[in-house]
Every structure is written in structure tokens, then in C-alpha cells.
Amino acid sequence: MNIYVGNLSFQTTEDELKRLFEAFGQVESVSIIKDKFSGESRGFAFVVMPDQAQATAAIEGSNGKDLSGRALKVNEARSQGERSDRGDRGGERRGGGGGGFGGGGRRR
């Protein structure tokens, strides 16, 4: 199961997350997502645990847990197609459509 871990301190390491989740079972991988330009943490990560029951226990046991002064937000990761927070990208556009310049005619 792929687990989303949010609200991470920017100083949190993959080793710290691995130790936290290993308390619930086998951890296959930990990936802290980093900014492609600065290389700094974006404040969230994904943890992969192969056993469904252990992963569920890890979610329940670590959601809201304090790590480096931050309350973690932990849940099952959703695929990109399941995310509802991506807005209207590629779909219907809202608004005036004129780029904010009005009707396009000259004013007299």
C-alpha cells in the first residue's frame, strides 16, 4: 500500500520516517518529495508498505502523531486520477475569457 505523509518538517529525513513506520511493520520504501530546482523538501512524502494490514495500522497509528513539532497527516495515497483538488485544468474555463481587457473595441 502506498501511504501519503503530509505536514512534514522540512528537516525530516527518510530514515526518520522509515523508523516511525517500521514500528508497524515492513517498509518497502520511503520517498520525501523534493523541489526539482532547490532540492529542498516540499513537506510531504510517500511510504510503501507491502502488507495491507500493517499499512492500515501504520496509518491509524501515525495520523496526527507529532514528528519534529508537526502533527502528521497520514492516509492512503490516491492515484492522480482520484484527486479532486486539481481544479479545472484541461476542463471548462471560468471567467470572462477576454484576458480582462473588456470588449476589445476602442474607447472614444
N, C-alpha and C. Protein backbone atom coordinates (compact mmCIF):
# COMPACT_ATOMS: atom_id res chain seq x y z
N MET A 1 0.85 -1.18 0.00
CA MET A 1 0.00 0.00 0.00
C MET A 1 0.89 1.23 0.00
N ASN A 2 0.49 2.23 -0.78
CA ASN A 2 1.21 3.49 -0.85
C ASN A 2 0.55 4.46 0.13
N ILE A 3 1.34 5.04 1.02
CA ILE A 3 0.83 5.90 2.09
C ILE A 3 1.35 7.32 1.89
N TYR A 4 0.43 8.28 1.96
CA TYR A 4 0.79 9.70 1.89
C TYR A 4 1.07 10.19 3.31
N VAL A 5 2.17 10.92 3.49
CA VAL A 5 2.52 11.52 4.78
C VAL A 5 2.74 13.01 4.55
N GLY A 6 1.86 13.83 5.11
CA GLY A 6 1.94 15.27 4.90
C GLY A 6 2.22 16.02 6.18
N ASN A 7 2.42 17.31 6.04
CA ASN A 7 2.73 18.24 7.12
C ASN A 7 4.07 17.91 7.78
N LEU A 8 5.02 17.50 6.95
CA LEU A 8 6.36 17.18 7.45
C LEU A 8 7.17 18.45 7.68
N SER A 9 7.99 18.40 8.69
CA SER A 9 9.00 19.44 8.87
C SER A 9 9.97 19.33 7.69
N PHE A 10 10.48 20.46 7.24
CA PHE A 10 11.40 20.43 6.10
C PHE A 10 12.72 19.76 6.46
N GLN A 11 12.98 19.54 7.76
CA GLN A 11 14.21 18.88 8.20
C GLN A 11 14.04 17.37 8.38
N THR A 12 12.82 16.85 8.26
CA THR A 12 12.58 15.42 8.43
C THR A 12 13.33 14.64 7.36
N THR A 13 13.94 13.52 7.78
CA THR A 13 14.69 12.68 6.85
C THR A 13 13.92 11.41 6.52
N GLU A 14 14.31 10.77 5.43
CA GLU A 14 13.70 9.50 5.06
C GLU A 14 13.96 8.44 6.11
N ASP A 15 15.13 8.47 6.75
CA ASP A 15 15.44 7.50 7.81
C ASP A 15 14.50 7.66 9.00
N GLU A 16 14.19 8.91 9.38
CA GLU A 16 13.26 9.15 10.48
C GLU A 16 11.88 8.57 10.17
N LEU A 17 11.41 8.82 8.95
CA LEU A 17 10.10 8.28 8.56
C LEU A 17 10.11 6.76 8.52
N LYS A 18 11.19 6.20 8.02
CA LYS A 18 11.29 4.74 7.96
C LYS A 18 11.20 4.14 9.35
N ARG A 19 11.93 4.72 10.31
CA ARG A 19 11.89 4.21 11.68
C ARG A 19 10.48 4.33 12.27
N LEU A 20 9.81 5.44 12.00
CA LEU A 20 8.45 5.64 12.51
C LEU A 20 7.51 4.55 11.98
N PHE A 21 7.58 4.27 10.68
CA PHE A 21 6.66 3.31 10.07
C PHE A 21 7.06 1.87 10.31
N GLU A 22 8.34 1.61 10.54
CA GLU A 22 8.79 0.25 10.84
C GLU A 22 8.22 -0.26 12.16
N ALA A 23 7.78 0.64 13.01
CA ALA A 23 7.15 0.22 14.27
C ALA A 23 5.85 -0.54 13.99
N PHE A 24 5.31 -0.38 12.77
CA PHE A 24 4.04 -1.03 12.41
C PHE A 24 4.23 -2.21 11.47
N GLY A 25 5.45 -2.37 10.92
CA GLY A 25 5.69 -3.49 10.01
C GLY A 25 6.77 -3.17 9.00
N GLN A 26 6.84 -4.00 7.96
CA GLN A 26 7.87 -3.87 6.94
C GLN A 26 7.64 -2.65 6.06
N VAL A 27 8.69 -1.88 5.86
CA VAL A 27 8.65 -0.71 4.99
C VAL A 27 9.47 -1.03 3.74
N GLU A 28 8.81 -0.94 2.60
CA GLU A 28 9.49 -1.21 1.33
C GLU A 28 10.30 -0.01 0.86
N SER A 29 9.71 1.19 0.97
CA SER A 29 10.44 2.38 0.54
C SER A 29 9.84 3.63 1.17
N VAL A 30 10.67 4.67 1.24
CA VAL A 30 10.27 5.99 1.73
C VAL A 30 10.81 7.02 0.75
N SER A 31 9.95 7.92 0.31
CA SER A 31 10.38 8.96 -0.63
C SER A 31 9.85 10.32 -0.19
N ILE A 32 10.74 11.17 0.28
CA ILE A 32 10.35 12.54 0.58
C ILE A 32 10.39 13.30 -0.74
N ILE A 33 9.32 13.99 -1.06
CA ILE A 33 9.22 14.71 -2.32
C ILE A 33 9.95 16.04 -2.18
N LYS A 34 10.83 16.29 -3.16
CA LYS A 34 11.67 17.49 -3.10
C LYS A 34 11.43 18.39 -4.30
N ASP A 35 11.63 19.67 -4.10
CA ASP A 35 11.53 20.65 -5.16
C ASP A 35 12.60 20.36 -6.20
N LYS A 36 12.21 20.34 -7.48
CA LYS A 36 13.18 19.96 -8.51
C LYS A 36 14.26 21.01 -8.73
N PHE A 37 14.02 22.24 -8.32
CA PHE A 37 15.03 23.29 -8.52
C PHE A 37 15.92 23.47 -7.30
N SER A 38 15.31 23.56 -6.12
CA SER A 38 16.10 23.83 -4.91
C SER A 38 16.59 22.55 -4.24
N GLY A 39 15.92 21.42 -4.49
CA GLY A 39 16.28 20.17 -3.85
C GLY A 39 15.79 20.05 -2.42
N GLU A 40 15.03 21.06 -1.96
CA GLU A 40 14.51 21.04 -0.59
C GLU A 40 13.18 20.31 -0.52
N SER A 41 12.90 19.77 0.64
CA SER A 41 11.65 19.05 0.88
C SER A 41 10.45 19.94 0.57
N ARG A 42 9.40 19.33 0.03
CA ARG A 42 8.15 20.05 -0.21
C ARG A 42 7.17 19.82 0.94
N GLY A 43 7.60 19.07 1.97
CA GLY A 43 6.77 18.90 3.17
C GLY A 43 5.86 17.69 3.15
N PHE A 44 6.07 16.78 2.17
CA PHE A 44 5.29 15.55 2.17
C PHE A 44 6.11 14.41 1.59
N ALA A 45 5.64 13.19 1.85
CA ALA A 45 6.38 12.01 1.43
C ALA A 45 5.41 10.87 1.14
N PHE A 46 5.95 9.82 0.55
CA PHE A 46 5.20 8.59 0.33
C PHE A 46 5.97 7.43 0.94
N VAL A 47 5.25 6.59 1.65
CA VAL A 47 5.83 5.40 2.27
C VAL A 47 5.11 4.20 1.68
N VAL A 48 5.87 3.20 1.22
CA VAL A 48 5.26 2.00 0.67
C VAL A 48 5.46 0.85 1.66
N MET A 49 4.33 0.25 2.04
CA MET A 49 4.34 -0.92 2.92
C MET A 49 3.62 -2.05 2.20
N PRO A 50 4.28 -3.21 2.01
CA PRO A 50 3.69 -4.28 1.21
C PRO A 50 2.50 -4.99 1.86
N ASP A 51 2.42 -4.98 3.18
CA ASP A 51 1.33 -5.68 3.88
C ASP A 51 0.18 -4.71 4.18
N GLN A 52 -0.99 -5.02 3.66
CA GLN A 52 -2.16 -4.15 3.80
C GLN A 52 -2.53 -3.91 5.28
N ALA A 53 -2.53 -4.95 6.08
CA ALA A 53 -2.91 -4.82 7.49
C ALA A 53 -1.90 -3.95 8.25
N GLN A 54 -0.63 -4.14 7.99
CA GLN A 54 0.40 -3.33 8.63
C GLN A 54 0.30 -1.87 8.19
N ALA A 55 0.03 -1.67 6.90
CA ALA A 55 -0.10 -0.31 6.38
C ALA A 55 -1.29 0.40 7.02
N THR A 56 -2.40 -0.31 7.15
CA THR A 56 -3.59 0.27 7.78
C THR A 56 -3.30 0.63 9.23
N ALA A 57 -2.60 -0.24 9.93
CA ALA A 57 -2.22 0.03 11.32
C ALA A 57 -1.29 1.24 11.39
N ALA A 58 -0.39 1.36 10.42
CA ALA A 58 0.54 2.49 10.40
C ALA A 58 -0.21 3.81 10.18
N ILE A 59 -1.20 3.79 9.29
CA ILE A 59 -1.99 4.99 9.04
C ILE A 59 -2.73 5.40 10.30
N GLU A 60 -3.40 4.45 10.91
CA GLU A 60 -4.18 4.73 12.12
C GLU A 60 -3.28 5.16 13.28
N GLY A 61 -2.10 4.56 13.37
CA GLY A 61 -1.21 4.84 14.49
C GLY A 61 -0.36 6.09 14.35
N SER A 62 -0.20 6.58 13.12
CA SER A 62 0.68 7.73 12.94
C SER A 62 -0.05 9.01 12.51
N ASN A 63 -1.29 8.90 12.07
CA ASN A 63 -2.03 10.11 11.70
C ASN A 63 -2.23 10.99 12.93
N GLY A 64 -1.80 12.23 12.84
CA GLY A 64 -1.89 13.16 13.96
C GLY A 64 -0.72 13.09 14.92
N LYS A 65 0.15 12.12 14.74
CA LYS A 65 1.31 11.96 15.63
C LYS A 65 2.29 13.12 15.42
N ASP A 66 2.89 13.57 16.50
CA ASP A 66 3.86 14.65 16.44
C ASP A 66 5.22 14.12 15.99
N LEU A 67 5.77 14.74 14.96
CA LEU A 67 7.12 14.42 14.49
C LEU A 67 7.81 15.74 14.22
N SER A 68 8.86 16.03 14.97
CA SER A 68 9.62 17.28 14.83
C SER A 68 8.73 18.51 15.01
N GLY A 69 7.78 18.41 15.95
CA GLY A 69 6.92 19.55 16.25
C GLY A 69 5.76 19.75 15.30
N ARG A 70 5.50 18.79 14.43
CA ARG A 70 4.40 18.91 13.46
C ARG A 70 3.49 17.70 13.58
N ALA A 71 2.18 17.94 13.54
CA ALA A 71 1.21 16.85 13.56
C ALA A 71 1.09 16.28 12.16
N LEU A 72 1.47 15.01 11.99
CA LEU A 72 1.46 14.39 10.67
C LEU A 72 0.04 14.19 10.15
N LYS A 73 -0.10 14.31 8.84
CA LYS A 73 -1.34 13.96 8.17
C LYS A 73 -1.02 12.71 7.35
N VAL A 74 -1.63 11.59 7.72
CA VAL A 74 -1.28 10.32 7.10
C VAL A 74 -2.56 9.64 6.60
N ASN A 75 -2.54 9.24 5.33
CA ASN A 75 -3.66 8.48 4.78
C ASN A 75 -3.19 7.68 3.57
N GLU A 76 -4.08 6.85 3.07
CA GLU A 76 -3.74 6.06 1.89
C GLU A 76 -3.58 7.01 0.72
N ALA A 77 -2.49 6.86 -0.01
CA ALA A 77 -2.24 7.73 -1.16
C ALA A 77 -3.25 7.41 -2.25
N ARG A 78 -3.72 8.47 -2.91
CA ARG A 78 -4.65 8.31 -4.02
C ARG A 78 -3.89 8.47 -5.32
N SER A 79 -4.35 7.78 -6.36
CA SER A 79 -3.72 7.96 -7.66
C SER A 79 -4.06 9.34 -8.20
N GLN A 80 -3.32 9.82 -9.16
CA GLN A 80 -3.55 11.17 -9.69
C GLN A 80 -4.97 11.32 -10.22
N GLY A 81 -5.53 10.29 -10.80
CA GLY A 81 -6.88 10.36 -11.34
C GLY A 81 -7.95 10.50 -10.28
N GLU A 82 -7.65 10.08 -9.05
CA GLU A 82 -8.63 10.13 -7.97
C GLU A 82 -8.63 11.46 -7.24
N ARG A 83 -7.61 12.29 -7.45
CA ARG A 83 -7.50 13.54 -6.70
C ARG A 83 -8.54 14.53 -7.19
N SER A 84 -9.24 15.14 -6.26
CA SER A 84 -10.27 16.10 -6.62
C SER A 84 -9.80 17.54 -6.45
N ASP A 85 -8.59 17.73 -5.96
CA ASP A 85 -8.11 19.07 -5.64
C ASP A 85 -7.29 19.69 -6.76
N ARG A 86 -7.41 19.19 -7.96
CA ARG A 86 -6.57 19.67 -9.05
C ARG A 86 -7.23 20.77 -9.86
N GLY A 87 -8.43 21.19 -9.50
CA GLY A 87 -9.06 22.32 -10.16
C GLY A 87 -9.60 21.97 -11.53
N ASP A 88 -9.72 22.99 -12.38
CA ASP A 88 -10.32 22.82 -13.70
C ASP A 88 -9.30 22.66 -14.81
N ARG A 89 -8.13 22.19 -14.53
CA ARG A 89 -7.10 22.05 -15.55
C ARG A 89 -7.61 21.19 -16.70
N GLY A 90 -7.52 21.73 -17.88
CA GLY A 90 -7.91 20.97 -19.05
C GLY A 90 -9.41 20.92 -19.27
N GLY A 91 -10.17 21.42 -18.36
CA GLY A 91 -11.62 21.37 -18.47
C GLY A 91 -12.18 22.72 -18.78
N GLU A 92 -13.39 22.93 -18.38
CA GLU A 92 -14.08 24.19 -18.62
C GLU A 92 -13.37 25.33 -17.91
N ARG A 93 -13.18 26.40 -18.62
CA ARG A 93 -12.58 27.58 -18.00
C ARG A 93 -13.67 28.48 -17.48
N ARG A 94 -13.39 29.12 -16.38
CA ARG A 94 -14.36 30.04 -15.80
C ARG A 94 -13.87 31.46 -16.00
N GLY A 95 -14.77 32.37 -16.07
CA GLY A 95 -14.37 33.77 -16.16
C GLY A 95 -14.70 34.35 -17.51
N GLY A 96 -14.24 35.57 -17.75
CA GLY A 96 -14.63 36.34 -18.90
C GLY A 96 -14.01 35.93 -20.22
N GLY A 97 -12.90 35.29 -20.24
CA GLY A 97 -12.31 34.83 -21.47
C GLY A 97 -11.60 35.91 -22.29
N GLY A 98 -11.70 37.17 -21.93
CA GLY A 98 -11.05 38.23 -22.70
C GLY A 98 -9.74 38.66 -22.10
N GLY A 99 -9.24 37.93 -21.16
CA GLY A 99 -7.97 38.29 -20.55
C GLY A 99 -8.09 39.54 -19.68
N GLY A 100 -9.33 39.94 -19.38
CA GLY A 100 -9.53 41.08 -18.52
C GLY A 100 -9.47 42.41 -19.24
N PHE A 101 -9.49 42.39 -20.58
CA PHE A 101 -9.36 43.63 -21.33
C PHE A 101 -10.69 44.15 -21.86
N GLY A 102 -11.76 43.55 -21.49
CA GLY A 102 -13.07 44.06 -21.95
C GLY A 102 -13.38 43.63 -23.35
N GLY A 103 -14.22 44.43 -24.03
CA GLY A 103 -14.76 44.06 -25.33
C GLY A 103 -13.81 44.14 -26.50
N GLY A 104 -12.71 44.75 -26.40
CA GLY A 104 -11.76 44.78 -27.48
C GLY A 104 -11.89 45.97 -28.42
N GLY A 105 -12.94 46.75 -28.28
CA GLY A 105 -13.10 47.92 -29.14
C GLY A 105 -12.41 49.15 -28.56
N ARG A 106 -12.25 50.18 -29.40
CA ARG A 106 -11.63 51.41 -28.93
C ARG A 106 -12.61 52.24 -28.12
N ARG A 107 -12.09 52.92 -27.16
CA ARG A 107 -12.92 53.83 -26.38
C ARG A 107 -12.82 55.22 -26.98
N ARG A 108 -13.92 55.90 -27.02
CA ARG A 108 -13.92 57.25 -27.60
C ARG A 108 -14.14 58.28 -26.57
